[in-house]
Structure formats: C-alpha cells, structure tokens
N, C-alpha and C. Protein backbone atom coordinates (compact mmCIF):
# COMPACT_ATOMS: atom_id res chain seq x y z
N MET A 1 -7.59 -1.80 10.32
CA MET A 1 -6.95 -1.90 9.02
C MET A 1 -5.86 -0.83 8.88
N LYS A 2 -6.16 0.38 9.35
CA LYS A 2 -5.18 1.46 9.26
C LYS A 2 -3.90 1.09 10.01
N ASN A 3 -4.04 0.60 11.24
CA ASN A 3 -2.87 0.19 12.03
C ASN A 3 -2.09 -0.90 11.32
N TYR A 4 -2.78 -1.89 10.77
CA TYR A 4 -2.11 -3.01 10.12
C TYR A 4 -1.31 -2.54 8.90
N ILE A 5 -1.92 -1.70 8.08
CA ILE A 5 -1.24 -1.23 6.88
C ILE A 5 -0.05 -0.35 7.24
N ASN A 6 -0.26 0.61 8.12
CA ASN A 6 0.81 1.56 8.45
C ASN A 6 1.92 0.97 9.31
N ASN A 7 1.58 0.00 10.17
CA ASN A 7 2.56 -0.53 11.12
C ASN A 7 3.12 -1.91 10.79
N VAL A 8 2.46 -2.65 9.91
CA VAL A 8 2.94 -3.98 9.57
C VAL A 8 3.39 -4.06 8.10
N LEU A 9 2.48 -3.71 7.19
CA LEU A 9 2.82 -3.84 5.77
C LEU A 9 3.81 -2.79 5.30
N SER A 10 3.60 -1.56 5.66
CA SER A 10 4.47 -0.48 5.19
C SER A 10 5.94 -0.70 5.56
N PRO A 11 6.25 -1.07 6.80
CA PRO A 11 7.67 -1.33 7.13
C PRO A 11 8.29 -2.47 6.32
N LEU A 12 7.48 -3.44 5.91
CA LEU A 12 8.01 -4.53 5.08
C LEU A 12 8.42 -4.03 3.70
N LEU A 13 7.74 -3.00 3.21
CA LEU A 13 8.05 -2.46 1.89
C LEU A 13 9.21 -1.45 1.94
N GLN A 14 9.52 -0.92 3.09
CA GLN A 14 10.55 0.11 3.20
C GLN A 14 11.94 -0.41 2.86
N GLY A 15 12.14 -1.69 2.94
CA GLY A 15 13.43 -2.27 2.57
C GLY A 15 13.76 -2.05 1.10
N ASP A 16 12.73 -1.85 0.28
CA ASP A 16 12.92 -1.60 -1.15
C ASP A 16 12.84 -0.12 -1.48
N GLY A 17 12.76 0.74 -0.47
CA GLY A 17 12.78 2.17 -0.71
C GLY A 17 11.42 2.83 -0.87
N GLY A 18 10.37 2.08 -0.69
CA GLY A 18 9.02 2.65 -0.81
C GLY A 18 8.18 2.31 0.39
N TYR A 19 7.00 2.85 0.42
CA TYR A 19 6.07 2.52 1.50
C TYR A 19 4.67 2.92 1.10
N ILE A 20 3.70 2.40 1.82
CA ILE A 20 2.30 2.74 1.57
C ILE A 20 1.70 3.29 2.85
N GLU A 21 0.72 4.15 2.69
CA GLU A 21 -0.01 4.73 3.82
C GLU A 21 -1.51 4.50 3.60
N TYR A 22 -2.19 4.17 4.67
CA TYR A 22 -3.64 4.01 4.63
C TYR A 22 -4.28 5.35 4.31
N LEU A 23 -5.25 5.36 3.39
CA LEU A 23 -5.97 6.58 3.06
C LEU A 23 -7.44 6.48 3.47
N GLU A 24 -8.15 5.45 2.98
CA GLU A 24 -9.55 5.30 3.34
C GLU A 24 -10.03 3.88 3.06
N GLU A 25 -11.16 3.56 3.67
CA GLU A 25 -11.77 2.25 3.50
C GLU A 25 -13.25 2.43 3.23
N SER A 26 -13.73 1.72 2.22
CA SER A 26 -15.14 1.79 1.88
C SER A 26 -15.61 0.40 1.49
N GLY A 27 -16.43 -0.19 2.34
CA GLY A 27 -16.87 -1.56 2.08
C GLY A 27 -15.70 -2.51 2.10
N GLY A 28 -15.51 -3.26 1.04
CA GLY A 28 -14.40 -4.21 0.95
C GLY A 28 -13.22 -3.65 0.19
N SER A 29 -13.20 -2.34 -0.03
CA SER A 29 -12.11 -1.71 -0.77
C SER A 29 -11.32 -0.77 0.14
N VAL A 30 -10.01 -0.88 0.06
CA VAL A 30 -9.13 -0.03 0.85
C VAL A 30 -8.20 0.72 -0.12
N THR A 31 -8.12 2.02 0.07
CA THR A 31 -7.24 2.84 -0.75
C THR A 31 -6.02 3.24 0.07
N VAL A 32 -4.85 3.07 -0.55
CA VAL A 32 -3.59 3.44 0.09
C VAL A 32 -2.87 4.45 -0.79
N ILE A 33 -1.94 5.19 -0.20
CA ILE A 33 -1.08 6.11 -0.94
C ILE A 33 0.27 5.42 -1.10
N ALA A 34 0.73 5.31 -2.34
CA ALA A 34 2.04 4.72 -2.63
C ALA A 34 3.06 5.85 -2.65
N ARG A 35 4.08 5.75 -1.83
CA ARG A 35 5.10 6.79 -1.74
C ARG A 35 6.48 6.20 -1.97
N GLY A 36 7.44 7.08 -2.17
CA GLY A 36 8.82 6.64 -2.40
C GLY A 36 8.91 5.83 -3.68
N GLU A 37 9.68 4.76 -3.65
CA GLU A 37 9.86 3.92 -4.82
C GLU A 37 8.55 3.25 -5.25
N CYS A 38 7.65 3.02 -4.31
CA CYS A 38 6.36 2.41 -4.65
C CYS A 38 5.56 3.29 -5.60
N SER A 39 5.76 4.60 -5.52
CA SER A 39 4.99 5.52 -6.35
C SER A 39 5.31 5.41 -7.83
N LYS A 40 6.48 4.86 -8.15
CA LYS A 40 6.86 4.74 -9.56
C LYS A 40 7.15 3.30 -9.99
N CYS A 41 6.88 2.36 -9.12
CA CYS A 41 7.18 0.95 -9.39
C CYS A 41 6.19 0.36 -10.40
N HIS A 42 6.71 -0.40 -11.35
CA HIS A 42 5.86 -1.04 -12.35
C HIS A 42 5.21 -2.30 -11.82
N LYS A 43 5.67 -2.78 -10.68
CA LYS A 43 5.13 -4.01 -10.10
C LYS A 43 4.25 -3.73 -8.89
N LEU A 44 3.74 -2.52 -8.78
CA LEU A 44 2.92 -2.15 -7.62
C LEU A 44 1.69 -3.03 -7.50
N ASP A 45 1.07 -3.38 -8.62
CA ASP A 45 -0.12 -4.23 -8.57
C ASP A 45 0.18 -5.59 -7.96
N LEU A 46 1.33 -6.16 -8.30
CA LEU A 46 1.74 -7.44 -7.72
C LEU A 46 1.95 -7.32 -6.22
N CYS A 47 2.55 -6.21 -5.82
CA CYS A 47 2.79 -5.97 -4.41
C CYS A 47 1.48 -5.81 -3.65
N LEU A 48 0.52 -5.11 -4.25
CA LEU A 48 -0.78 -4.95 -3.60
C LEU A 48 -1.50 -6.29 -3.47
N ASN A 49 -1.34 -7.16 -4.47
CA ASN A 49 -1.91 -8.51 -4.36
C ASN A 49 -1.28 -9.27 -3.20
N TRP A 50 0.03 -9.12 -3.03
CA TRP A 50 0.72 -9.76 -1.91
C TRP A 50 0.19 -9.20 -0.58
N CYS A 51 -0.03 -7.88 -0.53
CA CYS A 51 -0.57 -7.25 0.67
C CYS A 51 -1.97 -7.77 0.97
N GLU A 52 -2.79 -7.94 -0.06
CA GLU A 52 -4.13 -8.49 0.13
C GLU A 52 -4.05 -9.90 0.72
N ASP A 53 -3.10 -10.70 0.23
CA ASP A 53 -2.92 -12.05 0.78
C ASP A 53 -2.51 -12.01 2.24
N ARG A 54 -1.62 -11.09 2.60
CA ARG A 54 -1.20 -10.96 4.01
C ARG A 54 -2.37 -10.54 4.90
N ILE A 55 -3.20 -9.63 4.41
CA ILE A 55 -4.38 -9.20 5.18
C ILE A 55 -5.33 -10.37 5.36
N ARG A 56 -5.54 -11.13 4.29
CA ARG A 56 -6.42 -12.30 4.36
C ARG A 56 -5.89 -13.32 5.37
N LYS A 57 -4.58 -13.55 5.34
CA LYS A 57 -3.95 -14.54 6.22
C LYS A 57 -3.93 -14.07 7.68
N ASP A 58 -3.51 -12.82 7.89
CA ASP A 58 -3.30 -12.33 9.25
C ASP A 58 -4.57 -11.82 9.93
N LEU A 59 -5.44 -11.16 9.16
CA LEU A 59 -6.63 -10.55 9.75
C LEU A 59 -7.93 -11.28 9.42
N GLY A 60 -7.87 -12.19 8.44
CA GLY A 60 -9.06 -12.92 8.05
C GLY A 60 -10.09 -12.08 7.32
N LYS A 61 -9.64 -10.98 6.70
CA LYS A 61 -10.54 -10.09 5.97
C LYS A 61 -10.23 -10.15 4.48
N GLU A 62 -11.26 -10.11 3.70
CA GLU A 62 -11.13 -10.09 2.24
C GLU A 62 -11.29 -8.65 1.77
N VAL A 63 -10.20 -8.04 1.29
CA VAL A 63 -10.23 -6.65 0.84
C VAL A 63 -9.58 -6.52 -0.53
N LYS A 64 -9.93 -5.47 -1.22
CA LYS A 64 -9.29 -5.12 -2.49
C LYS A 64 -8.53 -3.82 -2.28
N LEU A 65 -7.22 -3.86 -2.47
CA LEU A 65 -6.39 -2.67 -2.30
C LEU A 65 -6.23 -1.94 -3.62
N THR A 66 -6.37 -0.64 -3.57
CA THR A 66 -6.06 0.22 -4.71
C THR A 66 -5.10 1.30 -4.22
N ALA A 67 -4.24 1.75 -5.11
CA ALA A 67 -3.22 2.71 -4.71
C ALA A 67 -3.33 4.00 -5.51
N VAL A 68 -3.08 5.08 -4.82
CA VAL A 68 -2.92 6.40 -5.43
C VAL A 68 -1.43 6.68 -5.40
N ARG A 69 -0.85 6.88 -6.56
CA ARG A 69 0.59 7.13 -6.61
C ARG A 69 0.85 8.59 -6.26
N LYS A 70 1.66 8.79 -5.25
CA LYS A 70 1.99 10.14 -4.79
C LYS A 70 3.46 10.40 -5.09
N LYS A 71 3.70 11.20 -6.12
CA LYS A 71 5.09 11.48 -6.48
C LYS A 71 5.68 12.53 -5.56
N PRO A 72 6.99 12.50 -5.36
CA PRO A 72 7.64 13.49 -4.51
C PRO A 72 7.47 14.90 -5.07
N PHE A 73 7.46 15.88 -4.22
CA PHE A 73 7.25 17.26 -4.63
C PHE A 73 8.27 17.74 -5.65
N PHE A 74 9.50 17.24 -5.59
CA PHE A 74 10.55 17.72 -6.50
C PHE A 74 10.39 17.19 -7.92
N TRP A 75 9.48 16.23 -8.18
CA TRP A 75 9.24 15.75 -9.53
C TRP A 75 8.43 16.76 -10.34
N ASP A 76 7.81 17.73 -9.69
CA ASP A 76 6.98 18.70 -10.39
C ASP A 76 7.78 19.74 -11.17
N LYS A 77 9.06 19.78 -10.96
CA LYS A 77 9.90 20.81 -11.61
C LYS A 77 10.34 20.41 -12.98
C-alpha cells in the first residue's frame, strides 16, 4: 500500500501542486499526509474518494483513506 500511494497516486496529484504521503495503515483504514496544495484544498475528501476507487480497481483492496493536513513550515509565522 505504501508503494502504491507514494509511487502511483501521489505523482498523479502533483500536477495540481499537491501530493500525499503514506503515514500508516490499521485494518481497513489508511492514513496519509496531505502536503502542498492538498493540505489546504477544500476538495480533499473528493480526491481521497477517487484514490480509494483507484486502490479498489488496481489492487482489489477496500480501504478508507483519511488525511492529516500538513501545512508548510512558513505558514506558522
């Protein structure tokens, strides 16, 4: 799952200025870190649903993706 998220799904999202990174997996739930534009996107939930569909289609696994939004360090100022 880590390879698929980091090497297949994340590059597909980079065209829009964001990306996701695999964080952890527990049972049927996978947590990812949303970075770049994904970290502030209002449509992140729709994108995660699309990612779940791709995982179901390509890997044959039923998972629920949740995201932790990771803002850039310079937003803290």
